[in-house]
């Protein structure tokens, strides 16, 4: 549909990134462990010009990097002793 309003912003950002990841895993006991991970994106993924509905220039975004923190808990299903 031509002229339809969409929320697809993928055209304003790079589809590829490269980064550094640091992770740690702590085994608490036989069944549980805690995990933490931090990812730091090295590539600038944003490079766009922001305009309003009238076409006036609002700002130029030329930097933006991925930063991710993930924390998890794992449970291990262990069969009975043989």
C-alpha atoms as a PDB file:
ATOM      1  CA  UNK A   1       0.000   0.000   0.000  1.00  0.00           C
ATOM      2  CA  UNK A   2       1.554   3.253  -1.074  1.00  0.00           C
ATOM      3  CA  UNK A   3       1.642   6.015   1.536  1.00  0.00           C
ATOM      4  CA  UNK A   4       0.881   3.643   4.408  1.00  0.00           C
ATOM      5  CA  UNK A   5       2.371   4.584   7.761  1.00  0.00           C
ATOM      6  CA  UNK A   6       4.720   1.856   9.014  1.00  0.00           C
ATOM      7  CA  UNK A   7       6.957   1.566  12.032  1.00  0.00           C
ATOM      8  CA  UNK A   8       9.790  -0.245  10.220  1.00  0.00           C
ATOM      9  CA  UNK A   9      12.974   1.546  11.281  1.00  0.00           C
ATOM     10  CA  UNK A  10      15.414  -1.051   9.938  1.00  0.00           C
ATOM     11  CA  UNK A  11      16.356   1.157   6.979  1.00  0.00           C
ATOM     12  CA  UNK A  12      17.953   3.647   9.394  1.00  0.00           C
ATOM     13  CA  UNK A  13      20.353   1.167  10.976  1.00  0.00           C
ATOM     14  CA  UNK A  14      23.137  -1.108   9.831  1.00  0.00           C
ATOM     15  CA  UNK A  15      22.173  -4.759   9.587  1.00  0.00           C
ATOM     16  CA  UNK A  16      25.651  -5.973  10.611  1.00  0.00           C
ATOM     17  CA  UNK A  17      27.629  -5.426  13.800  1.00  0.00           C
ATOM     18  CA  UNK A  18      30.836  -6.781  15.259  1.00  0.00           C
ATOM     19  CA  UNK A  19      31.633  -6.733  18.944  1.00  0.00           C
ATOM     20  CA  UNK A  20      33.355  -8.083  22.002  1.00  0.00           C
ATOM     21  CA  UNK A  21      31.646 -10.398  24.485  1.00  0.00           C
ATOM     22  CA  UNK A  22      32.623 -11.149  28.068  1.00  0.00           C
ATOM     23  CA  UNK A  23      30.827 -13.928  29.923  1.00  0.00           C
ATOM     24  CA  UNK A  24      30.997 -15.685  33.276  1.00  0.00           C
ATOM     25  CA  UNK A  25      29.314 -18.799  34.612  1.00  0.00           C
ATOM     26  CA  UNK A  26      29.106 -19.767  38.284  1.00  0.00           C
ATOM     27  CA  UNK A  27      27.985 -23.284  39.121  1.00  0.00           C
ATOM     28  CA  UNK A  28      26.175 -23.065  42.467  1.00  0.00           C
ATOM     29  CA  UNK A  29      25.523 -26.764  42.951  1.00  0.00           C
ATOM     30  CA  UNK A  30      24.666 -29.868  40.938  1.00  0.00           C
ATOM     31  CA  UNK A  31      21.404 -28.382  39.684  1.00  0.00           C
ATOM     32  CA  UNK A  32      21.820 -24.605  39.376  1.00  0.00           C
ATOM     33  CA  UNK A  33      24.214 -22.129  37.818  1.00  0.00           C
ATOM     34  CA  UNK A  34      24.225 -18.352  37.312  1.00  0.00           C
ATOM     35  CA  UNK A  35      25.375 -16.741  34.096  1.00  0.00           C
ATOM     36  CA  UNK A  36      26.225 -13.184  33.138  1.00  0.00           C
ATOM     37  CA  UNK A  37      27.218 -11.783  29.747  1.00  0.00           C
ATOM     38  CA  UNK A  38      28.134  -8.339  28.446  1.00  0.00           C
ATOM     39  CA  UNK A  39      28.346  -7.565  24.727  1.00  0.00           C
ATOM     40  CA  UNK A  40      29.931  -4.364  23.439  1.00  0.00           C
ATOM     41  CA  UNK A  41      29.291  -3.473  19.796  1.00  0.00           C
ATOM     42  CA  UNK A  42      32.313  -1.999  18.040  1.00  0.00           C
ATOM     43  CA  UNK A  43      30.557  -0.817  14.897  1.00  0.00           C
ATOM     44  CA  UNK A  44      28.497   2.343  14.601  1.00  0.00           C
ATOM     45  CA  UNK A  45      25.042   1.081  13.635  1.00  0.00           C
ATOM     46  CA  UNK A  46      23.109   4.372  13.396  1.00  0.00           C
ATOM     47  CA  UNK A  47      23.595   6.920  10.647  1.00  0.00           C
ATOM     48  CA  UNK A  48      20.485   8.824   9.714  1.00  0.00           C
ATOM     49  CA  UNK A  49      18.956  12.267   9.407  1.00  0.00           C
ATOM     50  CA  UNK A  50      15.880  12.971  11.520  1.00  0.00           C
ATOM     51  CA  UNK A  51      13.200  15.158   9.954  1.00  0.00           C
ATOM     52  CA  UNK A  52       9.721  16.125  11.093  1.00  0.00           C
ATOM     53  CA  UNK A  53       6.495  15.629   9.129  1.00  0.00           C
ATOM     54  CA  UNK A  54       6.985  18.996   7.407  1.00  0.00           C
ATOM     55  CA  UNK A  55      10.438  18.016   6.156  1.00  0.00           C
ATOM     56  CA  UNK A  56      12.394  20.225   8.559  1.00  0.00           C
ATOM     57  CA  UNK A  57      15.760  18.936   9.744  1.00  0.00           C
ATOM     58  CA  UNK A  58      15.623  17.981  13.426  1.00  0.00           C
ATOM     59  CA  UNK A  59      18.972  16.302  14.014  1.00  0.00           C
ATOM     60  CA  UNK A  60      21.603  14.081  12.475  1.00  0.00           C
ATOM     61  CA  UNK A  61      22.251  10.834  14.344  1.00  0.00           C
ATOM     62  CA  UNK A  62      25.678   9.539  13.443  1.00  0.00           C
ATOM     63  CA  UNK A  63      26.521   7.279  16.332  1.00  0.00           C
ATOM     64  CA  UNK A  64      24.931   4.407  18.125  1.00  0.00           C
ATOM     65  CA  UNK A  65      26.395   1.158  19.319  1.00  0.00           C
ATOM     66  CA  UNK A  66      24.943  -2.043  20.713  1.00  0.00           C
ATOM     67  CA  UNK A  67      25.359  -2.709  24.422  1.00  0.00           C
ATOM     68  CA  UNK A  68      23.808  -5.829  25.921  1.00  0.00           C
ATOM     69  CA  UNK A  69      23.755  -7.198  29.463  1.00  0.00           C
ATOM     70  CA  UNK A  70      22.249 -10.660  29.929  1.00  0.00           C
ATOM     71  CA  UNK A  71      21.806 -12.479  33.224  1.00  0.00           C
ATOM     72  CA  UNK A  72      20.511 -16.015  33.483  1.00  0.00           C
ATOM     73  CA  UNK A  73      19.844 -18.914  35.805  1.00  0.00           C
ATOM     74  CA  UNK A  74      20.215 -22.483  34.566  1.00  0.00           C
ATOM     75  CA  UNK A  75      18.623 -25.597  35.986  1.00  0.00           C
ATOM     76  CA  UNK A  76      20.082 -28.961  35.036  1.00  0.00           C
ATOM     77  CA  UNK A  77      17.787 -31.983  34.771  1.00  0.00           C
ATOM     78  CA  UNK A  78      19.846 -34.856  36.122  1.00  0.00           C
ATOM     79  CA  UNK A  79      18.777 -38.481  36.072  1.00  0.00           C
ATOM     80  CA  UNK A  80      18.965 -40.538  39.251  1.00  0.00           C
ATOM     81  CA  UNK A  81      22.221 -42.187  40.286  1.00  0.00           C
ATOM     82  CA  UNK A  82      22.958 -45.563  38.702  1.00  0.00           C
END
